[in-house]
């Protein structure tokens, strides 16, 4: 009977040891790891970065989608550029002007009547005509507005259409009191010499 009791004690001890070992193995297979990583993590011990915390969105993402609070950012409006309004011939110069001019060049001095007729125009546009009534020839041409200096001075480009005159020249008109203007003409003749014409013109129409 003593032998049977001893054998039963040994068997019970072995069974208890087996149960304890089985529990340890199961706990290692299913329990949390020692370093805190989840069982499904591919890299134990490395935090999961697939979720970006709010407030740490890159600035480029905010610029593309809106402000930090999700409010859409309105685009900066493009300024509208408008062309400057062209300056036409001042009203003070409109009308017909006439007077006697003195022409001076390298070899001679001459006198003749000058008539300038002006109407409204824009820069680089035709604004009137010019007529030189000389003893040897009558010259007719058109004038184009080149520059406007305030309300009392304009520069005109001259182009002679008929007559024995230099084809192109520059006329400067300056307003004077009493409906008069100073007429100053300059050009270069075919032989390379300078030519100038000056006159005081009165408004006749």
N, C-alpha and C. Protein backbone atom coordinates (compact mmCIF):
# COMPACT_ATOMS: atom_id res chain seq x y z
N UNK A 1 0.83 -1.21 0.00
CA UNK A 1 0.00 0.00 0.00
C UNK A 1 0.85 1.24 0.00
N UNK A 2 2.01 1.19 0.69
CA UNK A 2 2.92 2.34 0.74
C UNK A 2 3.46 2.64 -0.63
N UNK A 3 3.75 1.60 -1.42
CA UNK A 3 4.29 1.81 -2.77
C UNK A 3 3.24 2.46 -3.67
N UNK A 4 2.00 2.01 -3.53
CA UNK A 4 0.92 2.59 -4.36
C UNK A 4 0.73 4.06 -4.06
N UNK A 5 0.80 4.43 -2.80
CA UNK A 5 0.63 5.84 -2.42
C UNK A 5 1.75 6.70 -2.96
N UNK A 6 2.98 6.20 -2.91
CA UNK A 6 4.13 6.96 -3.42
C UNK A 6 4.01 7.17 -4.91
N UNK A 7 3.58 6.12 -5.61
CA UNK A 7 3.43 6.23 -7.07
C UNK A 7 2.37 7.26 -7.44
N UNK A 8 1.28 7.28 -6.70
CA UNK A 8 0.21 8.25 -6.98
C UNK A 8 0.70 9.67 -6.78
N UNK A 9 1.52 9.86 -5.76
CA UNK A 9 2.06 11.21 -5.49
C UNK A 9 2.95 11.69 -6.63
N UNK A 10 3.79 10.79 -7.13
CA UNK A 10 4.70 11.16 -8.25
C UNK A 10 3.91 11.52 -9.50
N UNK A 11 2.87 10.70 -9.81
CA UNK A 11 2.04 10.97 -11.01
C UNK A 11 1.35 12.32 -10.90
N UNK A 12 0.83 12.63 -9.69
CA UNK A 12 0.14 13.92 -9.50
C UNK A 12 1.10 15.08 -9.71
N UNK A 13 2.35 14.91 -9.22
CA UNK A 13 3.35 15.97 -9.38
C UNK A 13 3.70 16.19 -10.84
N UNK A 14 3.83 15.09 -11.60
CA UNK A 14 4.15 15.20 -13.03
C UNK A 14 3.03 15.90 -13.80
N UNK A 15 1.78 15.54 -13.45
CA UNK A 15 0.63 16.18 -14.13
C UNK A 15 0.61 17.68 -13.86
N UNK A 16 0.87 18.07 -12.61
CA UNK A 16 0.89 19.50 -12.28
C UNK A 16 1.97 20.25 -13.03
N UNK A 17 3.16 19.62 -13.13
CA UNK A 17 4.27 20.26 -13.88
C UNK A 17 3.92 20.43 -15.35
N UNK A 18 3.26 19.41 -15.93
CA UNK A 18 2.88 19.48 -17.35
C UNK A 18 1.87 20.60 -17.60
N UNK A 19 0.89 20.73 -16.67
CA UNK A 19 -0.11 21.80 -16.81
C UNK A 19 0.54 23.17 -16.73
N UNK A 20 1.49 23.31 -15.80
CA UNK A 20 2.17 24.61 -15.64
C UNK A 20 2.97 24.99 -16.89
N UNK A 21 3.70 24.00 -17.45
CA UNK A 21 4.49 24.25 -18.66
C UNK A 21 3.60 24.60 -19.84
N UNK A 22 2.44 23.93 -19.96
CA UNK A 22 1.51 24.23 -21.05
C UNK A 22 0.99 25.66 -20.96
N UNK A 23 0.70 26.15 -19.76
CA UNK A 23 0.22 27.52 -19.59
C UNK A 23 1.26 28.56 -19.98
N UNK A 24 2.55 28.29 -19.62
CA UNK A 24 3.62 29.24 -20.00
C UNK A 24 3.76 29.36 -21.50
N UNK A 25 3.69 28.23 -22.21
CA UNK A 25 3.84 28.24 -23.67
C UNK A 25 2.72 29.02 -24.31
N UNK A 26 1.46 28.83 -23.83
CA UNK A 26 0.31 29.54 -24.40
C UNK A 26 0.42 31.04 -24.17
N UNK A 27 0.93 31.43 -22.97
CA UNK A 27 1.06 32.85 -22.66
C UNK A 27 2.08 33.51 -23.56
N UNK A 28 3.19 32.83 -23.87
CA UNK A 28 4.21 33.40 -24.76
C UNK A 28 3.68 33.58 -26.18
N UNK A 29 2.81 32.68 -26.61
CA UNK A 29 2.31 32.73 -27.98
C UNK A 29 1.28 33.83 -28.19
N UNK A 30 0.48 34.15 -27.14
CA UNK A 30 -0.62 35.09 -27.34
C UNK A 30 -0.49 36.37 -26.55
N UNK A 31 0.36 36.44 -25.57
CA UNK A 31 0.45 37.62 -24.71
C UNK A 31 1.25 38.72 -25.34
N UNK A 32 1.26 39.95 -24.73
CA UNK A 32 2.01 41.10 -25.25
C UNK A 32 3.49 40.87 -25.14
N UNK A 33 4.25 41.45 -26.09
CA UNK A 33 5.71 41.33 -26.06
C UNK A 33 6.27 42.20 -24.97
N UNK A 34 7.53 41.95 -24.64
CA UNK A 34 8.16 42.67 -23.54
C UNK A 34 8.43 44.13 -23.88
N UNK A 35 8.63 44.45 -25.21
CA UNK A 35 8.98 45.83 -25.57
C UNK A 35 7.77 46.67 -25.95
N UNK A 36 6.55 46.17 -25.81
CA UNK A 36 5.33 46.95 -26.01
C UNK A 36 4.82 46.93 -27.42
N UNK A 37 5.45 46.22 -28.36
CA UNK A 37 4.97 46.18 -29.74
C UNK A 37 3.77 45.27 -29.84
N UNK A 38 2.83 45.62 -30.74
CA UNK A 38 1.66 44.77 -30.92
C UNK A 38 2.05 43.53 -31.69
N UNK A 39 1.35 42.44 -31.51
CA UNK A 39 1.69 41.20 -32.20
C UNK A 39 1.62 41.34 -33.71
N UNK A 40 0.75 42.23 -34.23
CA UNK A 40 0.60 42.35 -35.68
C UNK A 40 1.66 43.25 -36.29
N UNK A 41 2.46 43.92 -35.47
CA UNK A 41 3.45 44.84 -36.00
C UNK A 41 4.54 44.09 -36.72
N UNK A 42 4.95 44.59 -37.92
CA UNK A 42 6.03 43.97 -38.68
C UNK A 42 7.38 44.25 -38.07
N UNK A 43 7.51 45.38 -37.37
CA UNK A 43 8.80 45.72 -36.75
C UNK A 43 8.56 45.97 -35.28
N UNK A 44 8.76 44.94 -34.44
CA UNK A 44 8.52 45.12 -33.00
C UNK A 44 9.36 46.25 -32.45
N UNK A 45 8.70 47.10 -31.60
CA UNK A 45 9.42 48.18 -30.93
C UNK A 45 9.42 49.48 -31.72
N UNK A 46 8.98 49.51 -33.04
CA UNK A 46 8.96 50.73 -33.85
C UNK A 46 7.53 51.26 -33.89
N UNK A 47 7.28 52.51 -33.48
CA UNK A 47 5.90 53.05 -33.46
C UNK A 47 5.31 53.08 -34.86
N UNK A 48 4.00 52.90 -34.96
CA UNK A 48 3.28 52.92 -36.22
C UNK A 48 3.10 54.37 -36.67
N UNK A 49 3.62 54.73 -37.87
CA UNK A 49 3.56 56.12 -38.36
C UNK A 49 2.55 56.29 -39.47
N UNK A 50 1.65 55.33 -39.65
CA UNK A 50 0.68 55.44 -40.74
C UNK A 50 -0.36 56.51 -40.48
N UNK A 51 -0.57 56.91 -39.24
CA UNK A 51 -1.54 57.94 -38.88
C UNK A 51 -0.78 59.19 -38.49
N UNK A 52 -1.01 60.33 -39.20
CA UNK A 52 -0.33 61.59 -38.89
C UNK A 52 -1.15 62.36 -37.88
N UNK A 53 -0.59 62.73 -36.73
CA UNK A 53 -1.35 63.47 -35.72
C UNK A 53 -1.83 64.80 -36.28
N UNK A 54 -3.01 65.26 -35.86
CA UNK A 54 -3.55 66.55 -36.30
C UNK A 54 -2.64 67.66 -35.79
N UNK A 55 -2.42 68.65 -36.63
CA UNK A 55 -1.54 69.75 -36.25
C UNK A 55 -0.15 69.59 -36.79
N UNK A 56 0.17 68.40 -37.34
CA UNK A 56 1.52 68.20 -37.88
C UNK A 56 1.49 68.00 -39.38
N UNK A 57 0.43 68.49 -40.07
CA UNK A 57 0.33 68.37 -41.52
C UNK A 57 1.38 69.26 -42.15
N UNK A 58 2.13 68.79 -43.14
CA UNK A 58 3.17 69.61 -43.77
C UNK A 58 2.59 70.89 -44.34
N UNK A 59 3.38 72.02 -44.31
CA UNK A 59 2.90 73.29 -44.85
C UNK A 59 2.45 73.20 -46.29
N UNK A 60 3.13 72.35 -47.11
CA UNK A 60 2.74 72.25 -48.52
C UNK A 60 1.33 71.72 -48.66
N UNK A 61 0.94 70.77 -47.75
CA UNK A 61 -0.42 70.23 -47.79
C UNK A 61 -1.43 71.30 -47.41
N UNK A 62 -1.09 72.13 -46.40
CA UNK A 62 -1.99 73.20 -45.99
C UNK A 62 -2.17 74.21 -47.10
N UNK A 63 -1.07 74.53 -47.80
CA UNK A 63 -1.16 75.53 -48.87
C UNK A 63 -2.05 75.05 -49.99
N UNK A 64 -2.05 73.72 -50.24
CA UNK A 64 -2.83 73.20 -51.36
C UNK A 64 -4.29 73.04 -51.02
N UNK A 65 -4.61 72.73 -49.74
CA UNK A 65 -5.98 72.39 -49.39
C UNK A 65 -6.68 73.46 -48.57
N UNK A 66 -5.96 74.39 -47.94
CA UNK A 66 -6.60 75.40 -47.13
C UNK A 66 -5.76 75.73 -45.93
N UNK A 67 -6.37 76.42 -44.94
CA UNK A 67 -5.67 76.81 -43.75
C UNK A 67 -5.52 75.66 -42.78
N UNK A 68 -4.90 75.94 -41.63
CA UNK A 68 -4.66 74.90 -40.64
C UNK A 68 -5.96 74.37 -40.05
N UNK A 69 -7.03 75.21 -40.06
CA UNK A 69 -8.31 74.76 -39.52
C UNK A 69 -9.22 74.17 -40.59
N UNK A 70 -8.68 73.97 -41.81
CA UNK A 70 -9.47 73.37 -42.88
C UNK A 70 -10.22 74.37 -43.73
N UNK A 71 -10.17 75.68 -43.39
CA UNK A 71 -10.88 76.70 -44.17
C UNK A 71 -10.17 76.92 -45.50
N UNK A 72 -10.88 76.87 -46.64
CA UNK A 72 -10.23 77.10 -47.94
C UNK A 72 -9.60 78.48 -48.01
N UNK A 73 -8.41 78.56 -48.60
CA UNK A 73 -7.70 79.83 -48.75
C UNK A 73 -8.04 80.41 -50.12
N UNK A 74 -8.59 81.64 -50.14
CA UNK A 74 -8.96 82.28 -51.41
C UNK A 74 -7.72 82.68 -52.18
N UNK A 75 -7.67 82.44 -53.50
CA UNK A 75 -6.49 82.83 -54.29
C UNK A 75 -6.35 84.34 -54.38
N UNK A 76 -5.12 84.82 -54.48
CA UNK A 76 -4.86 86.25 -54.60
C UNK A 76 -5.31 86.73 -55.98
N UNK A 77 -6.19 87.74 -56.04
CA UNK A 77 -6.67 88.20 -57.36
C UNK A 77 -5.56 88.82 -58.17
N UNK A 78 -5.58 88.60 -59.48
CA UNK A 78 -4.59 89.17 -60.38
C UNK A 78 -5.00 90.59 -60.73
N UNK A 79 -4.10 91.59 -60.51
CA UNK A 79 -4.47 92.98 -60.82
C UNK A 79 -4.71 93.17 -62.31
N UNK A 80 -5.70 94.00 -62.62
CA UNK A 80 -6.03 94.30 -64.01
C UNK A 80 -5.28 95.56 -64.43
N UNK A 81 -4.43 95.42 -65.44
CA UNK A 81 -3.64 96.54 -65.92
C UNK A 81 -4.39 97.23 -67.05
N UNK A 82 -4.52 98.54 -66.93
CA UNK A 82 -5.19 99.30 -67.98
C UNK A 82 -4.18 100.20 -68.67
N UNK A 83 -4.32 100.31 -69.96
CA UNK A 83 -3.41 101.15 -70.73
C UNK A 83 -3.70 102.63 -70.45
N UNK A 84 -2.65 103.47 -70.40
CA UNK A 84 -2.88 104.89 -70.16
C UNK A 84 -3.70 105.51 -71.29
N UNK A 85 -4.54 106.47 -70.93
CA UNK A 85 -5.36 107.14 -71.92
C UNK A 85 -4.49 108.04 -72.79
N UNK A 86 -4.53 107.86 -74.12
CA UNK A 86 -3.71 108.70 -74.98
C UNK A 86 -4.07 110.18 -74.82
N UNK A 87 -3.06 111.03 -74.87
CA UNK A 87 -3.27 112.47 -74.75
C UNK A 87 -3.38 113.05 -76.15
N UNK A 88 -4.50 113.68 -76.43
CA UNK A 88 -4.69 114.28 -77.75
C UNK A 88 -4.20 115.72 -77.78
N UNK A 89 -4.42 116.37 -78.89
CA UNK A 89 -4.02 117.76 -79.07
C UNK A 89 -4.87 118.65 -78.16
N UNK A 90 -4.25 119.49 -77.32
CA UNK A 90 -5.04 120.38 -76.45
C UNK A 90 -5.95 121.30 -77.26
N UNK A 91 -7.11 121.61 -76.70
CA UNK A 91 -8.09 122.43 -77.40
C UNK A 91 -7.54 123.80 -77.77
N UNK A 92 -6.59 124.29 -76.96
CA UNK A 92 -6.05 125.63 -77.21
C UNK A 92 -5.36 125.74 -78.57
N UNK A 93 -4.95 124.61 -79.15
CA UNK A 93 -4.24 124.64 -80.43
C UNK A 93 -5.17 124.41 -81.63
N UNK A 94 -6.41 124.06 -81.38
CA UNK A 94 -7.31 123.74 -82.49
C UNK A 94 -7.64 124.99 -83.30
N UNK A 95 -7.71 124.83 -84.62
CA UNK A 95 -8.06 125.95 -85.49
C UNK A 95 -7.04 126.17 -86.59
N UNK A 96 -7.16 127.35 -87.25
CA UNK A 96 -6.24 127.71 -88.34
C UNK A 96 -5.34 128.85 -87.87
N UNK A 97 -4.03 128.66 -88.09
CA UNK A 97 -3.02 129.63 -87.67
C UNK A 97 -2.25 130.10 -88.90
N UNK A 98 -1.95 131.41 -88.93
CA UNK A 98 -1.30 131.95 -90.13
C UNK A 98 -0.36 133.10 -89.75
N UNK A 99 0.74 133.21 -90.51
CA UNK A 99 1.69 134.29 -90.27
C UNK A 99 2.83 134.22 -91.27
N UNK A 100 3.77 135.17 -91.14
CA UNK A 100 4.92 135.22 -92.05
C UNK A 100 6.16 134.72 -91.32
N UNK A 101 6.87 133.85 -92.04
CA UNK A 101 8.01 133.17 -91.44
C UNK A 101 9.32 133.64 -92.06
N UNK A 102 10.37 133.43 -91.31
CA UNK A 102 11.73 133.68 -91.80
C UNK A 102 12.47 132.36 -91.84
N UNK A 103 12.96 132.01 -93.01
CA UNK A 103 13.72 130.77 -93.18
C UNK A 103 15.21 131.10 -93.27
N UNK A 104 15.99 130.37 -92.49
CA UNK A 104 17.43 130.59 -92.48
C UNK A 104 18.13 129.26 -92.69
N UNK A 105 19.05 129.24 -93.67
CA UNK A 105 19.90 128.07 -93.85
C UNK A 105 21.34 128.54 -94.04
N UNK A 106 22.19 127.66 -94.53
CA UNK A 106 23.62 127.99 -94.61
C UNK A 106 23.94 129.05 -95.65
N UNK A 107 23.08 129.24 -96.64
CA UNK A 107 23.42 130.13 -97.75
C UNK A 107 22.45 131.29 -97.95
N UNK A 108 21.25 131.25 -97.35
CA UNK A 108 20.28 132.30 -97.66
C UNK A 108 19.26 132.48 -96.54
N UNK A 109 18.50 133.58 -96.69
CA UNK A 109 17.38 133.86 -95.80
C UNK A 109 16.17 134.17 -96.67
N UNK A 110 15.03 133.62 -96.33
CA UNK A 110 13.83 133.81 -97.14
C UNK A 110 12.65 134.10 -96.23
N UNK A 111 11.61 134.76 -96.81
CA UNK A 111 10.39 135.08 -96.07
C UNK A 111 9.18 134.62 -96.88
N UNK A 112 8.20 134.04 -96.20
CA UNK A 112 6.99 133.58 -96.88
C UNK A 112 5.90 133.33 -95.84
N UNK A 113 4.69 133.08 -96.35
CA UNK A 113 3.55 132.88 -95.46
C UNK A 113 3.41 131.40 -95.09
N UNK A 114 3.08 131.17 -93.83
CA UNK A 114 2.87 129.81 -93.31
C UNK A 114 1.44 129.70 -92.78
N UNK A 115 0.77 128.62 -93.14
CA UNK A 115 -0.57 128.34 -92.62
C UNK A 115 -0.59 126.94 -92.03
N UNK A 116 -1.06 126.84 -90.78
CA UNK A 116 -1.17 125.54 -90.11
C UNK A 116 -2.63 125.37 -89.68
N UNK A 117 -3.24 124.26 -90.05
CA UNK A 117 -4.60 123.93 -89.62
C UNK A 117 -4.56 122.68 -88.76
N UNK A 118 -5.16 122.77 -87.58
CA UNK A 118 -5.09 121.67 -86.61
C UNK A 118 -6.48 121.26 -86.16
N UNK A 119 -6.69 119.94 -86.04
CA UNK A 119 -7.91 119.41 -85.45
C UNK A 119 -7.53 118.37 -84.40
N UNK A 120 -8.53 117.81 -83.76
CA UNK A 120 -8.25 116.87 -82.65
C UNK A 120 -7.58 115.62 -83.17
N UNK A 121 -6.69 115.05 -82.36
CA UNK A 121 -6.01 113.82 -82.75
C UNK A 121 -5.38 113.15 -81.54
N UNK A 122 -4.68 112.08 -81.79
CA UNK A 122 -3.99 111.33 -80.73
C UNK A 122 -2.52 111.24 -81.07
N UNK A 123 -1.65 110.93 -80.07
CA UNK A 123 -0.23 110.81 -80.36
C UNK A 123 0.03 109.85 -81.51
N UNK A 124 0.96 110.23 -82.37
CA UNK A 124 1.34 109.47 -83.57
C UNK A 124 0.25 109.48 -84.64
N UNK A 125 -0.81 110.24 -84.42
CA UNK A 125 -1.87 110.32 -85.41
C UNK A 125 -1.85 111.66 -86.12
N UNK A 126 -2.39 111.69 -87.33
CA UNK A 126 -2.44 112.94 -88.10
C UNK A 126 -3.43 113.89 -87.46
N UNK A 127 -3.01 115.15 -87.29
CA UNK A 127 -3.85 116.14 -86.62
C UNK A 127 -4.07 117.39 -87.46
N UNK A 128 -3.57 117.42 -88.69
CA UNK A 128 -3.80 118.61 -89.49
C UNK A 128 -2.89 118.70 -90.69
N UNK A 129 -2.75 119.95 -91.21
CA UNK A 129 -1.99 120.18 -92.43
C UNK A 129 -1.15 121.45 -92.30
N UNK A 130 -0.19 121.60 -93.22
CA UNK A 130 0.67 122.77 -93.25
C UNK A 130 0.84 123.22 -94.70
N UNK A 131 0.94 124.54 -94.90
CA UNK A 131 1.10 125.11 -96.25
C UNK A 131 2.14 126.22 -96.19
N UNK A 132 3.15 126.11 -97.05
CA UNK A 132 4.17 127.15 -97.18
C UNK A 132 3.96 127.82 -98.54
N UNK A 133 3.59 129.11 -98.52
CA UNK A 133 3.34 129.86 -99.76
C UNK A 133 4.58 130.68 -100.09
N UNK A 134 5.48 130.10 -100.88
CA UNK A 134 6.73 130.74 -101.27
C UNK A 134 6.65 131.26 -102.70
N UNK A 135 7.53 132.18 -103.05
CA UNK A 135 7.53 132.73 -104.41
C UNK A 135 7.90 131.66 -105.43
N UNK A 136 8.85 130.79 -105.06
CA UNK A 136 9.33 129.80 -106.01
C UNK A 136 8.47 128.54 -106.04
N UNK A 137 7.78 128.25 -104.96
CA UNK A 137 7.02 127.00 -104.89
C UNK A 137 6.05 127.04 -103.72
N UNK A 138 4.92 126.38 -103.92
CA UNK A 138 3.99 126.15 -102.81
C UNK A 138 4.21 124.72 -102.31
N UNK A 139 4.33 124.56 -101.00
CA UNK A 139 4.52 123.22 -100.42
C UNK A 139 3.35 122.91 -99.50
N UNK A 140 2.78 121.72 -99.68
CA UNK A 140 1.66 121.26 -98.86
C UNK A 140 2.08 119.95 -98.17
N UNK A 141 1.67 119.80 -96.92
CA UNK A 141 1.99 118.57 -96.21
C UNK A 141 1.03 118.30 -95.06
N UNK A 142 1.23 117.18 -94.41
CA UNK A 142 0.44 116.80 -93.24
C UNK A 142 1.32 116.88 -91.99
N UNK A 143 0.67 117.03 -90.85
CA UNK A 143 1.39 117.07 -89.58
C UNK A 143 0.82 116.00 -88.65
N UNK A 144 1.72 115.37 -87.92
CA UNK A 144 1.38 114.29 -86.99
C UNK A 144 1.78 114.69 -85.58
N UNK A 145 0.89 114.45 -84.62
CA UNK A 145 1.19 114.79 -83.23
C UNK A 145 2.25 113.86 -82.67
N UNK A 146 3.36 114.44 -82.19
CA UNK A 146 4.47 113.65 -81.65
C UNK A 146 4.48 113.67 -80.13
N UNK A 147 4.50 114.87 -79.54
CA UNK A 147 4.50 114.99 -78.08
C UNK A 147 3.61 116.16 -77.66
N UNK A 148 3.11 116.06 -76.42
CA UNK A 148 2.33 117.13 -75.81
C UNK A 148 3.00 117.50 -74.49
N UNK A 149 3.40 118.76 -74.36
CA UNK A 149 4.06 119.23 -73.15
C UNK A 149 3.11 120.17 -72.42
N UNK A 150 2.31 119.58 -71.51
CA UNK A 150 1.31 120.36 -70.81
C UNK A 150 0.21 120.81 -71.76
N UNK A 151 -0.25 122.05 -71.58
CA UNK A 151 -1.31 122.58 -72.45
C UNK A 151 -0.82 123.72 -73.31
N UNK A 152 0.50 124.02 -73.25
CA UNK A 152 0.98 125.19 -73.99
C UNK A 152 2.07 124.89 -75.00
N UNK A 153 2.43 123.61 -75.19
CA UNK A 153 3.47 123.30 -76.18
C UNK A 153 3.23 121.91 -76.76
N UNK A 154 3.34 121.82 -78.08
CA UNK A 154 3.21 120.53 -78.76
C UNK A 154 4.31 120.43 -79.81
N UNK A 155 4.66 119.19 -80.14
CA UNK A 155 5.62 118.93 -81.20
C UNK A 155 4.94 118.12 -82.28
N UNK A 156 5.15 118.53 -83.54
CA UNK A 156 4.50 117.89 -84.68
C UNK A 156 5.56 117.37 -85.64
N UNK A 157 5.28 116.22 -86.22
CA UNK A 157 6.11 115.72 -87.30
C UNK A 157 5.51 116.13 -88.63
N UNK A 158 6.35 116.70 -89.50
CA UNK A 158 5.86 117.20 -90.79
C UNK A 158 6.25 116.26 -91.92
N UNK A 159 5.30 116.05 -92.84
CA UNK A 159 5.57 115.25 -94.03
C UNK A 159 5.02 115.98 -95.24
N UNK A 160 5.91 116.50 -96.10
CA UNK A 160 5.50 117.27 -97.27
C UNK A 160 5.01 116.33 -98.36
N UNK A 161 3.81 116.62 -98.89
CA UNK A 161 3.20 115.80 -99.92
C UNK A 161 3.44 116.34 -101.33
N UNK A 162 3.59 117.66 -101.46
CA UNK A 162 3.81 118.26 -102.78
C UNK A 162 4.62 119.54 -102.63
N UNK A 163 5.36 119.90 -103.68
CA UNK A 163 6.17 121.11 -103.68
C UNK A 163 7.64 120.81 -103.48
N UNK A 164 8.48 121.82 -103.77
CA UNK A 164 9.93 121.67 -103.69
C UNK A 164 10.43 122.03 -102.29
N UNK A 165 10.11 121.18 -101.32
CA UNK A 165 10.53 121.38 -99.93
C UNK A 165 11.11 120.09 -99.38
N UNK A 166 11.88 120.20 -98.31
CA UNK A 166 12.40 119.01 -97.65
C UNK A 166 11.21 118.18 -97.16
N UNK A 167 11.29 116.87 -97.36
CA UNK A 167 10.13 116.01 -97.10
C UNK A 167 9.73 115.97 -95.64
N UNK A 168 10.70 115.80 -94.73
CA UNK A 168 10.37 115.62 -93.31
C UNK A 168 11.05 116.68 -92.46
N UNK A 169 10.34 117.08 -91.40
CA UNK A 169 10.87 118.05 -90.46
C UNK A 169 10.09 117.99 -89.15
N UNK A 170 10.50 118.84 -88.22
CA UNK A 170 9.85 118.88 -86.91
C UNK A 170 9.38 120.30 -86.62
N UNK A 171 8.11 120.42 -86.20
CA UNK A 171 7.52 121.71 -85.87
C UNK A 171 7.20 121.73 -84.38
N UNK A 172 7.59 122.81 -83.70
CA UNK A 172 7.21 123.02 -82.30
C UNK A 172 6.33 124.26 -82.23
N UNK A 173 5.15 124.11 -81.63
CA UNK A 173 4.23 125.22 -81.44
C UNK A 173 4.12 125.53 -79.95
N UNK A 174 4.28 126.83 -79.61
CA UNK A 174 4.19 127.25 -78.22
C UNK A 174 3.15 128.35 -78.11
N UNK A 175 2.16 128.16 -77.24
CA UNK A 175 1.10 129.15 -77.07
C UNK A 175 1.63 130.44 -76.46
N UNK A 176 1.12 131.56 -76.98
CA UNK A 176 1.43 132.88 -76.44
C UNK A 176 0.11 133.62 -76.19
N UNK A 177 0.11 134.66 -75.36
CA UNK A 177 -1.12 135.40 -75.10
C UNK A 177 -1.69 136.02 -76.39
N UNK A 178 -3.00 136.23 -76.39
CA UNK A 178 -3.64 136.91 -77.50
C UNK A 178 -3.86 136.05 -78.71
N UNK A 179 -4.14 134.74 -78.52
CA UNK A 179 -4.41 133.83 -79.64
C UNK A 179 -3.27 133.82 -80.65
N UNK A 180 -2.05 133.71 -80.17
CA UNK A 180 -0.89 133.59 -81.04
C UNK A 180 -0.05 132.40 -80.59
N UNK A 181 0.75 131.86 -81.52
CA UNK A 181 1.68 130.78 -81.21
C UNK A 181 3.02 131.07 -81.85
N UNK A 182 4.08 130.61 -81.20
CA UNK A 182 5.40 130.63 -81.80
C UNK A 182 5.57 129.37 -82.63
N UNK A 183 5.97 129.55 -83.87
CA UNK A 183 6.18 128.44 -84.80
C UNK A 183 7.69 128.28 -84.99
N UNK A 184 8.21 127.07 -84.69
CA UNK A 184 9.64 126.80 -84.87
C UNK A 184 9.79 125.48 -85.62
N UNK A 185 10.47 125.55 -86.76
CA UNK A 185 10.64 124.38 -87.62
C UNK A 185 12.14 124.08 -87.76
N UNK A 186 12.48 122.79 -87.72
CA UNK A 186 13.87 122.38 -87.91
C UNK A 186 13.92 121.14 -88.79
N UNK A 187 14.97 121.07 -89.63
CA UNK A 187 15.17 119.89 -90.46
C UNK A 187 16.61 119.88 -90.95
N UNK A 188 16.96 118.81 -91.64
CA UNK A 188 18.26 118.69 -92.29
C UNK A 188 18.02 118.56 -93.79
N UNK A 189 18.64 119.43 -94.57
CA UNK A 189 18.43 119.43 -96.01
C UNK A 189 19.17 118.27 -96.67
N UNK A 190 18.93 118.10 -97.94
CA UNK A 190 19.53 116.98 -98.67
C UNK A 190 21.06 117.03 -98.68
N UNK A 191 21.62 118.25 -98.64
CA UNK A 191 23.08 118.38 -98.64
C UNK A 191 23.69 118.26 -97.25
N UNK A 192 22.85 117.98 -96.24
CA UNK A 192 23.35 117.79 -94.88
C UNK A 192 23.36 119.04 -94.03
N UNK A 193 23.01 120.20 -94.58
CA UNK A 193 23.00 121.44 -93.80
C UNK A 193 21.69 121.58 -93.04
N UNK A 194 21.76 122.34 -91.94
CA UNK A 194 20.59 122.57 -91.12
C UNK A 194 19.74 123.70 -91.68
N UNK A 195 18.43 123.56 -91.52
CA UNK A 195 17.49 124.59 -91.94
C UNK A 195 16.51 124.86 -90.82
N UNK A 196 16.21 126.13 -90.57
CA UNK A 196 15.25 126.49 -89.53
C UNK A 196 14.30 127.54 -90.06
N UNK A 197 13.06 127.47 -89.58
CA UNK A 197 12.03 128.43 -89.95
C UNK A 197 11.34 128.86 -88.66
N UNK A 198 11.19 130.17 -88.48
CA UNK A 198 10.54 130.70 -87.28
C UNK A 198 9.49 131.71 -87.68
N UNK A 199 8.37 131.69 -86.93
CA UNK A 199 7.28 132.61 -87.25
C UNK A 199 6.40 132.81 -86.02
N UNK A 200 5.71 133.93 -86.02
CA UNK A 200 4.64 134.16 -85.06
C UNK A 200 3.32 134.03 -85.79
N UNK A 201 2.51 133.06 -85.39
CA UNK A 201 1.25 132.80 -86.09
C UNK A 201 0.07 133.27 -85.25
N UNK A 202 -0.96 133.79 -85.95
CA UNK A 202 -2.19 134.22 -85.29
C UNK A 202 -3.32 133.28 -85.68
N UNK A 203 -4.27 133.12 -84.75
CA UNK A 203 -5.45 132.31 -85.06
C UNK A 203 -6.35 133.11 -86.00
N UNK A 204 -6.68 132.50 -87.14
CA UNK A 204 -7.55 133.19 -88.11
C UNK A 204 -8.89 132.47 -88.26
N UNK A 205 -9.04 131.32 -87.68
CA UNK A 205 -10.30 130.59 -87.76
C UNK A 205 -10.33 129.53 -86.68
